[in-house]
């Protein structure tokens, strides 16, 4: 999954605040969930999970073809996503559009 401005994709960025002793369990749960649904959801481009080195955060970065596709997904998996919150102190999710891209020139 590459970040792109083409195709009017939208990006969900969800920052989970967690405790260091729960970070891996949250990552495991999010990874399991992503593997289960990755090929079955219309409009899902891809998911990348990130962990902070201090153990306090997990970031879910998911690209979608449209907000409608994301909305259907959220409705369908609302209960499972609420269960994931049990492993977090707080979650902060927002939808974004890629505004600018910068990359070093290739060789």
N, C-alpha and C. Protein backbone atom coordinates (compact mmCIF):
# COMPACT_ATOMS: atom_id res chain seq x y z
N UNK A 1 0.85 -1.17 0.00
CA UNK A 1 0.00 0.00 0.00
C UNK A 1 0.89 1.23 0.00
N UNK A 2 0.76 2.03 -1.01
CA UNK A 2 1.51 3.27 -1.12
C UNK A 2 0.58 4.44 -0.87
N UNK A 3 1.09 5.47 -0.23
CA UNK A 3 0.30 6.67 -0.06
C UNK A 3 0.21 7.37 -1.40
N UNK A 4 -1.00 7.76 -1.76
CA UNK A 4 -1.22 8.37 -3.07
C UNK A 4 -2.28 9.45 -2.96
N UNK A 5 -2.16 10.48 -3.81
CA UNK A 5 -3.19 11.52 -3.90
C UNK A 5 -4.17 11.19 -5.01
N UNK A 6 -3.88 10.19 -5.81
CA UNK A 6 -4.72 9.86 -6.95
C UNK A 6 -5.93 9.03 -6.52
N UNK A 7 -7.00 9.14 -7.29
CA UNK A 7 -8.17 8.32 -7.05
C UNK A 7 -9.07 8.80 -5.95
N UNK A 8 -8.83 9.97 -5.39
CA UNK A 8 -9.68 10.52 -4.33
C UNK A 8 -9.86 9.57 -3.15
N UNK A 9 -8.82 8.84 -2.81
CA UNK A 9 -8.90 7.92 -1.69
C UNK A 9 -9.03 8.70 -0.39
N UNK A 10 -9.61 8.05 0.60
CA UNK A 10 -9.65 8.65 1.94
C UNK A 10 -8.84 7.76 2.88
N UNK A 11 -8.37 8.36 3.93
CA UNK A 11 -7.52 7.65 4.89
C UNK A 11 -8.11 7.78 6.28
N UNK A 12 -8.27 6.66 6.94
CA UNK A 12 -8.66 6.65 8.35
C UNK A 12 -7.38 6.50 9.16
N UNK A 13 -7.15 7.43 10.06
CA UNK A 13 -6.02 7.32 10.98
C UNK A 13 -6.61 7.28 12.38
N UNK A 14 -6.38 6.16 13.06
CA UNK A 14 -6.90 5.95 14.40
C UNK A 14 -5.72 5.76 15.34
N UNK A 15 -5.58 6.66 16.30
CA UNK A 15 -4.51 6.59 17.29
C UNK A 15 -5.09 6.03 18.58
N UNK A 16 -4.63 4.85 18.95
CA UNK A 16 -5.03 4.22 20.20
C UNK A 16 -3.99 4.53 21.26
N UNK A 17 -4.42 5.05 22.38
CA UNK A 17 -3.51 5.22 23.52
C UNK A 17 -3.69 3.99 24.41
N UNK A 18 -2.57 3.39 24.80
CA UNK A 18 -2.63 2.15 25.56
C UNK A 18 -1.51 2.13 26.59
N UNK A 19 -1.44 1.08 27.35
CA UNK A 19 -0.35 0.89 28.32
C UNK A 19 0.70 -0.01 27.68
N UNK A 20 1.97 0.18 28.05
CA UNK A 20 3.01 -0.65 27.44
C UNK A 20 2.73 -2.15 27.56
N UNK A 21 2.16 -2.58 28.66
CA UNK A 21 1.90 -4.01 28.84
C UNK A 21 0.70 -4.49 28.01
N UNK A 22 -0.08 -3.58 27.43
CA UNK A 22 -1.21 -3.95 26.60
C UNK A 22 -0.97 -3.68 25.11
N UNK A 23 0.12 -3.01 24.78
CA UNK A 23 0.36 -2.62 23.40
C UNK A 23 0.38 -3.82 22.46
N UNK A 24 1.11 -4.88 22.81
CA UNK A 24 1.22 -6.04 21.92
C UNK A 24 -0.12 -6.75 21.77
N UNK A 25 -0.88 -6.86 22.85
CA UNK A 25 -2.20 -7.49 22.76
C UNK A 25 -3.12 -6.71 21.83
N UNK A 26 -3.06 -5.38 21.90
CA UNK A 26 -3.86 -4.55 21.00
C UNK A 26 -3.41 -4.74 19.56
N UNK A 27 -2.10 -4.74 19.32
CA UNK A 27 -1.58 -4.98 17.97
C UNK A 27 -2.01 -6.35 17.45
N UNK A 28 -1.93 -7.37 18.29
CA UNK A 28 -2.33 -8.72 17.89
C UNK A 28 -3.80 -8.75 17.50
N UNK A 29 -4.65 -8.10 18.29
CA UNK A 29 -6.08 -8.08 18.00
C UNK A 29 -6.37 -7.32 16.71
N UNK A 30 -5.75 -6.16 16.52
CA UNK A 30 -5.95 -5.39 15.30
C UNK A 30 -5.43 -6.14 14.08
N UNK A 31 -4.30 -6.81 14.23
CA UNK A 31 -3.73 -7.60 13.12
C UNK A 31 -4.64 -8.76 12.75
N UNK A 32 -5.14 -9.47 13.74
CA UNK A 32 -6.05 -10.58 13.50
C UNK A 32 -7.29 -10.09 12.76
N UNK A 33 -7.85 -9.00 13.24
CA UNK A 33 -9.05 -8.43 12.63
C UNK A 33 -8.78 -8.01 11.18
N UNK A 34 -7.66 -7.35 10.95
CA UNK A 34 -7.31 -6.91 9.58
C UNK A 34 -7.14 -8.10 8.65
N UNK A 35 -6.52 -9.16 9.13
CA UNK A 35 -6.34 -10.36 8.30
C UNK A 35 -7.67 -11.00 7.95
N UNK A 36 -8.60 -11.00 8.88
CA UNK A 36 -9.91 -11.61 8.65
C UNK A 36 -10.72 -10.86 7.60
N UNK A 37 -10.64 -9.54 7.60
CA UNK A 37 -11.53 -8.77 6.73
C UNK A 37 -10.87 -8.21 5.48
N UNK A 38 -9.56 -8.32 5.35
CA UNK A 38 -8.85 -7.59 4.30
C UNK A 38 -9.33 -7.88 2.88
N UNK A 39 -9.66 -9.09 2.56
CA UNK A 39 -10.05 -9.39 1.19
C UNK A 39 -11.55 -9.33 0.95
N UNK A 40 -12.32 -9.15 2.01
CA UNK A 40 -13.77 -9.26 1.88
C UNK A 40 -14.51 -7.93 1.88
N UNK A 41 -13.81 -6.84 2.11
CA UNK A 41 -14.50 -5.57 2.26
C UNK A 41 -14.37 -4.69 1.02
N UNK A 42 -15.49 -4.37 0.39
CA UNK A 42 -15.46 -3.50 -0.78
C UNK A 42 -14.88 -2.13 -0.43
N UNK A 43 -13.96 -1.68 -1.23
CA UNK A 43 -13.40 -0.35 -1.05
C UNK A 43 -12.18 -0.28 -0.17
N UNK A 44 -11.84 -1.35 0.54
CA UNK A 44 -10.66 -1.33 1.40
C UNK A 44 -9.41 -1.49 0.54
N UNK A 45 -8.51 -0.52 0.62
CA UNK A 45 -7.26 -0.55 -0.13
C UNK A 45 -6.19 -1.28 0.67
N UNK A 46 -6.05 -0.94 1.94
CA UNK A 46 -5.04 -1.59 2.77
C UNK A 46 -4.99 -0.98 4.16
N UNK A 47 -4.32 -1.71 5.04
CA UNK A 47 -4.19 -1.31 6.44
C UNK A 47 -2.73 -1.42 6.83
N UNK A 48 -2.24 -0.41 7.55
CA UNK A 48 -0.89 -0.47 8.13
C UNK A 48 -1.02 -0.17 9.62
N UNK A 49 -0.42 -1.02 10.43
CA UNK A 49 -0.44 -0.81 11.88
C UNK A 49 0.95 -0.40 12.33
N UNK A 50 1.00 0.57 13.23
CA UNK A 50 2.26 1.10 13.73
C UNK A 50 2.24 1.08 15.25
N UNK A 51 3.38 0.80 15.86
CA UNK A 51 3.49 0.85 17.32
C UNK A 51 4.51 1.92 17.69
N UNK A 52 4.22 2.65 18.75
CA UNK A 52 5.19 3.64 19.23
C UNK A 52 6.28 2.92 20.01
N UNK A 53 7.47 3.46 19.96
CA UNK A 53 8.59 2.80 20.64
C UNK A 53 8.51 2.95 22.15
N UNK A 54 7.68 3.86 22.65
CA UNK A 54 7.53 4.00 24.10
C UNK A 54 6.42 3.10 24.66
N UNK A 55 5.73 2.37 23.78
CA UNK A 55 4.70 1.43 24.21
C UNK A 55 3.35 2.05 24.52
N UNK A 56 3.19 3.34 24.27
CA UNK A 56 1.98 4.04 24.68
C UNK A 56 0.93 4.23 23.60
N UNK A 57 1.28 3.92 22.34
CA UNK A 57 0.33 4.15 21.26
C UNK A 57 0.43 3.07 20.19
N UNK A 58 -0.71 2.86 19.52
CA UNK A 58 -0.80 2.04 18.32
C UNK A 58 -1.57 2.89 17.32
N UNK A 59 -1.07 2.97 16.09
CA UNK A 59 -1.74 3.75 15.06
C UNK A 59 -2.21 2.80 13.96
N UNK A 60 -3.48 2.93 13.62
CA UNK A 60 -4.09 2.18 12.52
C UNK A 60 -4.26 3.17 11.37
N UNK A 61 -3.60 2.89 10.25
CA UNK A 61 -3.67 3.73 9.05
C UNK A 61 -4.32 2.88 7.98
N UNK A 62 -5.52 3.24 7.56
CA UNK A 62 -6.26 2.45 6.57
C UNK A 62 -6.74 3.35 5.45
N UNK A 63 -6.51 2.90 4.21
CA UNK A 63 -6.99 3.66 3.06
C UNK A 63 -8.22 2.98 2.47
N UNK A 64 -9.17 3.84 2.06
CA UNK A 64 -10.45 3.41 1.51
C UNK A 64 -10.74 4.15 0.23
N UNK A 65 -11.52 3.54 -0.64
CA UNK A 65 -11.90 4.20 -1.90
C UNK A 65 -12.88 5.34 -1.66
N UNK A 66 -13.72 5.24 -0.61
CA UNK A 66 -14.69 6.30 -0.35
C UNK A 66 -15.12 6.28 1.12
N UNK A 67 -15.69 7.40 1.55
CA UNK A 67 -16.24 7.46 2.91
C UNK A 67 -17.44 6.53 3.05
N UNK A 68 -18.16 6.32 1.96
CA UNK A 68 -19.30 5.39 1.99
C UNK A 68 -18.83 3.97 2.28
N UNK A 69 -17.74 3.55 1.64
CA UNK A 69 -17.20 2.21 1.90
C UNK A 69 -16.77 2.09 3.36
N UNK A 70 -16.10 3.10 3.87
CA UNK A 70 -15.68 3.09 5.27
C UNK A 70 -16.90 3.06 6.19
N UNK A 71 -17.92 3.84 5.88
CA UNK A 71 -19.13 3.86 6.70
C UNK A 71 -19.82 2.51 6.77
N UNK A 72 -19.90 1.81 5.64
CA UNK A 72 -20.49 0.45 5.63
C UNK A 72 -19.68 -0.50 6.51
N UNK A 73 -18.36 -0.39 6.41
CA UNK A 73 -17.47 -1.23 7.20
C UNK A 73 -17.68 -0.99 8.70
N UNK A 74 -17.73 0.28 9.09
CA UNK A 74 -17.90 0.63 10.51
C UNK A 74 -19.23 0.10 11.03
N UNK A 75 -20.29 0.22 10.25
CA UNK A 75 -21.60 -0.31 10.67
C UNK A 75 -21.54 -1.83 10.84
N UNK A 76 -20.92 -2.50 9.88
CA UNK A 76 -20.86 -3.96 9.88
C UNK A 76 -20.06 -4.50 11.05
N UNK A 77 -18.95 -3.85 11.40
CA UNK A 77 -18.03 -4.36 12.41
C UNK A 77 -18.01 -3.52 13.69
N UNK A 78 -19.08 -2.79 13.93
CA UNK A 78 -19.14 -1.90 15.09
C UNK A 78 -18.83 -2.63 16.41
N UNK A 79 -19.44 -3.78 16.61
CA UNK A 79 -19.24 -4.52 17.87
C UNK A 79 -17.80 -4.98 18.04
N UNK A 80 -17.20 -5.52 16.97
CA UNK A 80 -15.81 -5.98 17.05
C UNK A 80 -14.86 -4.81 17.33
N UNK A 81 -15.13 -3.68 16.71
CA UNK A 81 -14.26 -2.52 16.91
C UNK A 81 -14.41 -1.98 18.33
N UNK A 82 -15.60 -2.03 18.90
CA UNK A 82 -15.78 -1.61 20.29
C UNK A 82 -15.03 -2.54 21.24
N UNK A 83 -14.99 -3.83 20.93
CA UNK A 83 -14.26 -4.79 21.77
C UNK A 83 -12.76 -4.48 21.78
N UNK A 84 -12.23 -4.01 20.65
CA UNK A 84 -10.80 -3.65 20.58
C UNK A 84 -10.48 -2.49 21.52
N UNK A 85 -11.44 -1.65 21.77
CA UNK A 85 -11.23 -0.49 22.65
C UNK A 85 -10.95 -0.90 24.09
N UNK A 86 -11.29 -2.13 24.44
CA UNK A 86 -11.02 -2.60 25.80
C UNK A 86 -9.52 -2.67 26.09
N UNK A 87 -8.71 -2.74 25.03
CA UNK A 87 -7.26 -2.81 25.17
C UNK A 87 -6.61 -1.43 25.07
N UNK A 88 -7.42 -0.40 24.99
CA UNK A 88 -6.90 0.96 24.85
C UNK A 88 -7.47 1.86 25.94
N UNK A 89 -6.71 2.86 26.31
CA UNK A 89 -7.18 3.86 27.24
C UNK A 89 -8.12 4.83 26.52
N UNK A 90 -7.77 5.10 25.26
CA UNK A 90 -8.54 6.04 24.45
C UNK A 90 -8.21 5.80 22.98
N UNK A 91 -9.15 6.12 22.11
CA UNK A 91 -8.92 6.05 20.67
C UNK A 91 -9.38 7.36 20.05
N UNK A 92 -8.61 7.80 19.06
CA UNK A 92 -8.90 9.06 18.39
C UNK A 92 -8.84 8.82 16.88
N UNK A 93 -10.02 8.68 16.26
CA UNK A 93 -10.08 8.35 14.83
C UNK A 93 -10.60 9.53 14.04
N UNK A 94 -9.96 9.77 12.89
CA UNK A 94 -10.40 10.82 11.98
C UNK A 94 -10.16 10.37 10.55
N UNK A 95 -10.93 10.93 9.63
CA UNK A 95 -10.78 10.64 8.21
C UNK A 95 -10.04 11.80 7.56
N UNK A 96 -9.07 11.45 6.69
CA UNK A 96 -8.22 12.46 6.05
C UNK A 96 -8.16 12.23 4.55
N UNK A 97 -7.78 13.29 3.84
CA UNK A 97 -7.39 13.22 2.44
C UNK A 97 -5.91 13.54 2.38
N UNK A 98 -5.17 12.91 1.49
CA UNK A 98 -3.76 13.23 1.32
C UNK A 98 -3.68 14.61 0.65
N UNK A 99 -3.04 15.56 1.30
CA UNK A 99 -2.95 16.92 0.78
C UNK A 99 -1.66 17.14 -0.01
N UNK A 100 -0.56 16.59 0.49
CA UNK A 100 0.74 16.75 -0.17
C UNK A 100 1.59 15.53 0.08
N UNK A 101 2.48 15.24 -0.87
CA UNK A 101 3.43 14.14 -0.73
C UNK A 101 4.82 14.67 -1.02
N UNK A 102 5.78 14.22 -0.24
CA UNK A 102 7.17 14.58 -0.46
C UNK A 102 8.01 13.32 -0.30
N UNK A 103 8.89 13.10 -1.23
CA UNK A 103 9.77 11.94 -1.19
C UNK A 103 11.11 12.34 -1.78
N UNK A 104 12.19 11.74 -1.30
CA UNK A 104 13.49 12.04 -1.88
C UNK A 104 13.56 11.57 -3.32
N UNK A 105 14.35 12.27 -4.11
CA UNK A 105 14.53 11.89 -5.52
C UNK A 105 15.26 10.55 -5.57
N UNK A 106 14.81 9.68 -6.48
CA UNK A 106 15.42 8.36 -6.62
C UNK A 106 16.73 8.44 -7.40
N UNK A 107 17.49 7.37 -7.31
CA UNK A 107 18.76 7.31 -8.04
C UNK A 107 18.54 7.01 -9.49
